Amino acid sequence: MLKYLQLRLFLCAGVMLWIPLKTVAQAGETTPMAGEGYVIMKNGDTINGRINWRMKYVDNNPTEIKFIPENGSSQILNAGEISGLAIFPRTDFEDNELPQANYVSLPSPKKGTPVFYNRLIDGKLKVFQNRSSVVFTKETAEVNTEFDGIEFRYSKEDGLTVGPTYKTSYRIIESRTRYSSYFIIKDQGPFQKIDKDNYDGVFAALFGDCPQIQQELNKNPDLRKFRNFMILAEVYNQLCR
């Protein structure tokens, strides 16, 4: 009987050693997600280095990074100390190239605390990711429509082209259409949330100041739909500067 119990204890100990230990990050710890990039200081200077997110959030948005400069010691920076940051293009686990990610420091809508927002589109109409929005599956969110506009083209094969020079890949556009809501800033206006429910009510304020957009809408009425908002926002920023 004693030998049987000793055998069971030996086997249990072996199983426990074989099972990988699960580590849980505590608040303030650095997550394994990282990338090479740069931070933008309050005076506009940029400093290159490695960026790690830290597990600190306000209103579901990150507030701190661990930054390791190329020539310097690591430091903890919060969203109130810098204007923003960028993570250089990289590949995901499927070897798909990810575009540069750009984050800016803005006050959170509820608490007013500086946080980092992922800026999806820059220009006259700035679009930011809402981390609290619903993320649709690829099958649900994928934009299947092709547009042959007056001054732009959009297709799965060629992505989005506006004018003679601007081009964004289909995969990038498609990945940005998966959210049920966004935050936007138009010109120097307020930081506001848009979604399918309020989109029609703010549509004229967003795009009504550009006759070229109205011409594009006349040719392709489906551009007005909320699921095509990211396409229209890109076209607007290129045609209506």
Protein backbone atom coordinates (compact mmCIF):
# COMPACT_ATOMS: atom_id res chain seq x y z
CA MET A 1 0.00 0.00 0.00
CA LEU A 2 2.84 2.37 0.89
CA LYS A 3 4.57 1.67 -2.42
CA TYR A 4 1.25 2.36 -4.25
CA LEU A 5 0.85 5.74 -2.53
CA GLN A 6 4.46 6.64 -3.27
CA LEU A 7 3.90 5.78 -6.95
CA ARG A 8 0.78 7.96 -7.13
CA LEU A 9 2.61 10.89 -5.54
CA PHE A 10 5.50 10.46 -8.00
CA LEU A 11 3.14 10.46 -10.98
CA CYS A 12 1.22 13.52 -9.74
CA ALA A 13 4.47 15.42 -9.21
CA GLY A 14 5.57 14.52 -12.72
CA VAL A 15 2.31 15.78 -14.22
CA MET A 16 2.57 19.04 -12.29
CA LEU A 17 6.09 19.60 -13.60
CA TRP A 18 4.99 18.87 -17.16
CA ILE A 19 2.03 21.30 -17.20
CA PRO A 20 3.18 24.84 -18.24
CA LEU A 21 2.72 27.43 -15.58
CA LYS A 22 0.15 30.10 -16.50
CA THR A 23 1.36 33.59 -15.70
CA VAL A 24 -1.12 36.36 -15.03
CA ALA A 25 -0.01 39.94 -15.53
CA GLN A 26 -0.80 42.24 -12.62
CA ALA A 27 -1.79 45.88 -13.02
CA GLY A 28 1.24 47.89 -14.10
CA GLU A 29 3.20 44.94 -15.45
CA THR A 30 4.48 45.01 -19.01
CA THR A 31 2.62 42.82 -21.49
CA PRO A 32 4.63 40.74 -23.97
CA MET A 33 3.26 42.75 -26.91
CA ALA A 34 5.97 45.10 -28.11
CA GLY A 35 7.38 46.71 -31.20
CA GLU A 36 10.06 48.98 -32.53
CA GLY A 37 8.89 52.54 -33.05
CA TYR A 38 9.17 56.02 -31.62
CA VAL A 39 7.58 58.30 -29.07
CA ILE A 40 6.58 61.90 -29.76
CA MET A 41 7.58 64.24 -26.95
CA LYS A 42 5.56 67.30 -25.95
CA ASN A 43 7.99 69.57 -27.81
CA GLY A 44 7.53 67.59 -31.02
CA ASP A 45 10.83 65.69 -30.86
CA THR A 46 10.75 61.99 -31.75
CA ILE A 47 12.88 59.33 -30.05
CA ASN A 48 13.30 55.87 -31.52
CA GLY A 49 13.28 52.74 -29.41
CA ARG A 50 11.29 49.71 -28.30
CA ILE A 51 7.75 50.09 -26.96
CA ASN A 52 5.99 47.73 -24.56
CA TRP A 53 2.43 48.31 -23.43
CA ARG A 54 1.80 48.21 -19.69
CA MET A 55 -1.30 46.74 -18.11
CA LYS A 56 -2.78 50.07 -17.05
CA TYR A 57 -6.04 51.34 -18.54
CA VAL A 58 -8.57 54.12 -18.11
CA ASP A 59 -11.95 53.76 -19.81
CA ASN A 60 -10.55 50.65 -21.56
CA ASN A 61 -7.68 52.61 -23.17
CA PRO A 62 -3.97 52.13 -22.37
CA THR A 63 -2.30 54.85 -20.36
CA GLU A 64 1.32 53.75 -19.95
CA ILE A 65 4.22 52.28 -21.92
CA LYS A 66 7.64 50.96 -21.09
CA PHE A 67 10.00 52.68 -23.50
CA ILE A 68 13.56 51.54 -24.19
CA PRO A 69 15.41 54.20 -26.24
CA GLU A 70 18.04 53.09 -28.74
CA ASN A 71 20.70 54.81 -26.66
CA GLY A 72 19.42 54.98 -23.13
CA SER A 73 17.81 53.29 -20.17
CA SER A 74 14.24 52.02 -20.08
CA GLN A 75 11.61 54.31 -18.63
CA ILE A 76 7.90 54.32 -17.88
CA LEU A 77 5.95 56.99 -19.76
CA ASN A 78 2.27 57.81 -19.38
CA ALA A 79 -0.09 59.44 -21.86
CA GLY A 80 0.14 62.74 -20.04
CA GLU A 81 3.90 62.96 -20.53
CA ILE A 82 4.10 62.46 -24.32
CA SER A 83 2.00 63.53 -27.31
CA GLY A 84 1.87 60.11 -28.93
CA LEU A 85 3.78 57.15 -30.29
CA ALA A 86 4.12 54.98 -33.36
CA ILE A 87 4.90 51.29 -33.79
CA PHE A 88 6.64 50.53 -37.07
CA PRO A 89 5.16 48.10 -39.65
CA ARG A 90 5.58 44.46 -38.63
CA THR A 91 4.14 41.02 -39.42
CA ASP A 92 1.50 39.10 -37.48
CA PHE A 93 1.53 35.40 -36.61
CA GLU A 94 0.33 34.57 -40.14
CA ASP A 95 3.14 36.61 -41.72
CA ASN A 96 0.72 39.31 -42.88
CA GLU A 97 2.31 42.74 -42.86
CA LEU A 98 0.71 45.12 -40.40
CA PRO A 99 0.78 48.86 -41.15
CA GLN A 100 2.37 51.37 -38.84
CA ALA A 101 0.21 51.89 -35.76
CA ASN A 102 -0.14 55.50 -34.62
CA TYR A 103 -1.37 56.44 -31.16
CA VAL A 104 -2.13 59.92 -29.86
CA SER A 105 -2.64 61.16 -26.33
CA LEU A 106 -6.14 62.52 -25.73
CA PRO A 107 -8.36 62.96 -22.66
CA SER A 108 -10.70 60.03 -22.06
CA PRO A 109 -14.36 61.06 -22.59
CA LYS A 110 -15.57 59.98 -19.15
CA LYS A 111 -12.74 60.75 -16.73
CA GLY A 112 -10.68 63.25 -18.70
CA THR A 113 -7.48 61.33 -17.96
CA PRO A 114 -4.93 61.28 -20.81
CA VAL A 115 -4.98 57.93 -22.62
CA PHE A 116 -3.60 56.53 -25.87
CA TYR A 117 -6.01 56.28 -28.80
CA ASN A 118 -5.20 54.29 -31.91
CA ARG A 119 -5.59 56.75 -34.81
CA LEU A 120 -6.81 54.75 -37.79
CA ILE A 121 -7.01 57.68 -40.23
CA ASP A 122 -5.32 61.08 -40.14
CA GLY A 123 -6.33 64.21 -42.01
CA LYS A 124 -9.12 66.75 -41.90
CA LEU A 125 -11.34 63.96 -40.59
CA LYS A 126 -9.45 61.96 -37.97
CA VAL A 127 -10.80 58.51 -37.06
CA PHE A 128 -9.84 56.65 -33.88
CA GLN A 129 -10.48 53.10 -32.77
CA ASN A 130 -13.13 52.65 -30.09
CA ARG A 131 -11.74 49.78 -28.01
CA SER A 132 -15.15 49.26 -26.41
CA SER A 133 -16.96 48.72 -29.71
CA VAL A 134 -18.13 45.37 -31.01
CA VAL A 135 -15.63 43.70 -33.34
CA PHE A 136 -17.37 41.81 -36.12
CA THR A 137 -16.03 38.59 -37.56
CA LYS A 138 -14.30 38.65 -40.92
CA GLU A 139 -17.27 36.95 -42.58
CA THR A 140 -19.69 39.53 -41.20
CA ALA A 141 -17.61 42.67 -41.66
CA GLU A 142 -15.86 42.07 -44.94
CA VAL A 143 -16.63 44.76 -47.49
CA ASN A 144 -17.52 42.99 -50.73
CA THR A 145 -18.58 46.06 -52.64
CA GLU A 146 -16.40 47.40 -55.44
CA PHE A 147 -16.48 51.09 -56.28
CA ASP A 148 -15.52 52.70 -59.56
CA GLY A 149 -15.73 56.34 -58.56
CA ILE A 150 -14.95 59.57 -60.32
CA GLU A 151 -11.63 60.18 -58.57
CA PHE A 152 -11.14 56.92 -56.68
CA ARG A 153 -11.30 53.15 -57.14
CA TYR A 154 -11.84 50.38 -54.62
CA SER A 155 -11.61 46.64 -55.18
CA LYS A 156 -10.38 43.51 -53.43
CA GLU A 157 -7.62 43.08 -55.97
CA ASP A 158 -6.23 46.63 -55.97
CA GLY A 159 -7.37 48.10 -52.66
CA LEU A 160 -8.21 51.81 -52.46
CA THR A 161 -6.66 54.33 -54.84
CA VAL A 162 -7.48 58.04 -54.76
CA GLY A 163 -6.09 60.30 -57.44
CA PRO A 164 -2.76 59.49 -59.09
CA THR A 165 -0.70 58.66 -55.99
CA TYR A 166 -2.67 57.62 -52.88
CA LYS A 167 -3.10 53.89 -52.29
CA THR A 168 -4.13 51.71 -49.33
CA SER A 169 -4.37 47.93 -49.43
CA TYR A 170 -7.70 46.13 -49.36
CA ARG A 171 -6.66 44.14 -46.28
CA ILE A 172 -6.01 47.30 -44.26
CA ILE A 173 -9.34 48.86 -45.25
CA GLU A 174 -11.19 45.61 -44.58
CA SER A 175 -9.64 45.25 -41.12
CA ARG A 176 -10.79 48.77 -40.19
CA THR A 177 -14.42 48.13 -41.14
CA ARG A 178 -14.92 45.52 -38.41
CA TYR A 179 -15.89 47.93 -35.65
CA SER A 180 -19.43 48.86 -34.69
CA SER A 181 -18.39 52.40 -33.68
CA TYR A 182 -15.52 54.87 -33.89
CA PHE A 183 -14.37 58.14 -32.38
CA ILE A 184 -13.77 61.06 -34.73
CA ILE A 185 -12.48 64.64 -34.75
CA LYS A 186 -13.48 66.85 -37.68
CA ASP A 187 -11.16 69.83 -38.18
CA GLN A 188 -10.74 71.29 -34.69
CA GLY A 189 -14.16 70.12 -33.53
CA PRO A 190 -15.14 67.95 -30.58
CA PHE A 191 -14.09 64.36 -29.95
CA GLN A 192 -17.25 62.36 -30.61
CA LYS A 193 -18.48 58.83 -31.09
CA ILE A 194 -20.23 57.69 -34.25
CA ASP A 195 -22.05 54.43 -34.89
CA LYS A 196 -24.75 53.05 -37.15
CA ASP A 197 -27.51 54.64 -35.05
CA ASN A 198 -26.29 58.25 -35.20
CA TYR A 199 -24.42 58.13 -38.53
CA ASP A 200 -27.21 59.53 -40.68
CA GLY A 201 -27.67 62.43 -38.27
CA VAL A 202 -24.02 63.53 -38.45
CA PHE A 203 -23.36 62.60 -42.09
CA ALA A 204 -23.87 66.12 -43.47
CA ALA A 205 -21.61 67.62 -40.80
CA LEU A 206 -18.87 65.15 -41.68
CA PHE A 207 -18.96 65.25 -45.48
CA GLY A 208 -21.33 68.04 -46.55
CA ASP A 209 -18.60 70.66 -46.99
CA CYS A 210 -17.03 68.90 -49.99
CA PRO A 211 -18.78 69.04 -53.42
CA GLN A 212 -16.51 66.27 -54.72
CA ILE A 213 -17.88 63.87 -52.14
CA GLN A 214 -21.43 64.67 -53.21
CA GLN A 215 -20.48 63.83 -56.79
CA GLU A 216 -19.03 60.51 -55.64
CA LEU A 217 -22.21 59.77 -53.67
CA ASN A 218 -24.36 60.54 -56.70
CA LYS A 219 -22.42 57.97 -58.70
CA ASN A 220 -22.18 55.38 -55.88
CA PRO A 221 -25.07 55.79 -53.38
CA ASP A 222 -23.85 52.77 -51.37
CA LEU A 223 -20.92 54.89 -50.20
CA ARG A 224 -23.37 56.51 -47.79
CA LYS A 225 -23.80 53.27 -45.80
CA PHE A 226 -22.09 53.06 -42.42
CA ARG A 227 -20.19 49.89 -43.39
CA ASN A 228 -18.38 51.99 -46.03
CA PHE A 229 -17.55 54.82 -43.63
CA MET A 230 -13.81 54.06 -43.56
CA ILE A 231 -13.60 54.10 -47.36
CA LEU A 232 -15.47 57.39 -47.57
CA ALA A 233 -13.36 58.94 -44.81
CA GLU A 234 -10.15 58.05 -46.68
CA VAL A 235 -11.51 59.49 -49.94
CA TYR A 236 -12.71 62.63 -48.16
CA ASN A 237 -9.30 63.31 -46.61
CA GLN A 238 -7.60 63.01 -49.99
CA LEU A 239 -10.07 65.07 -52.06
CA CYS A 240 -11.20 67.67 -49.54
CA ARG A 241 -8.10 69.00 -47.83
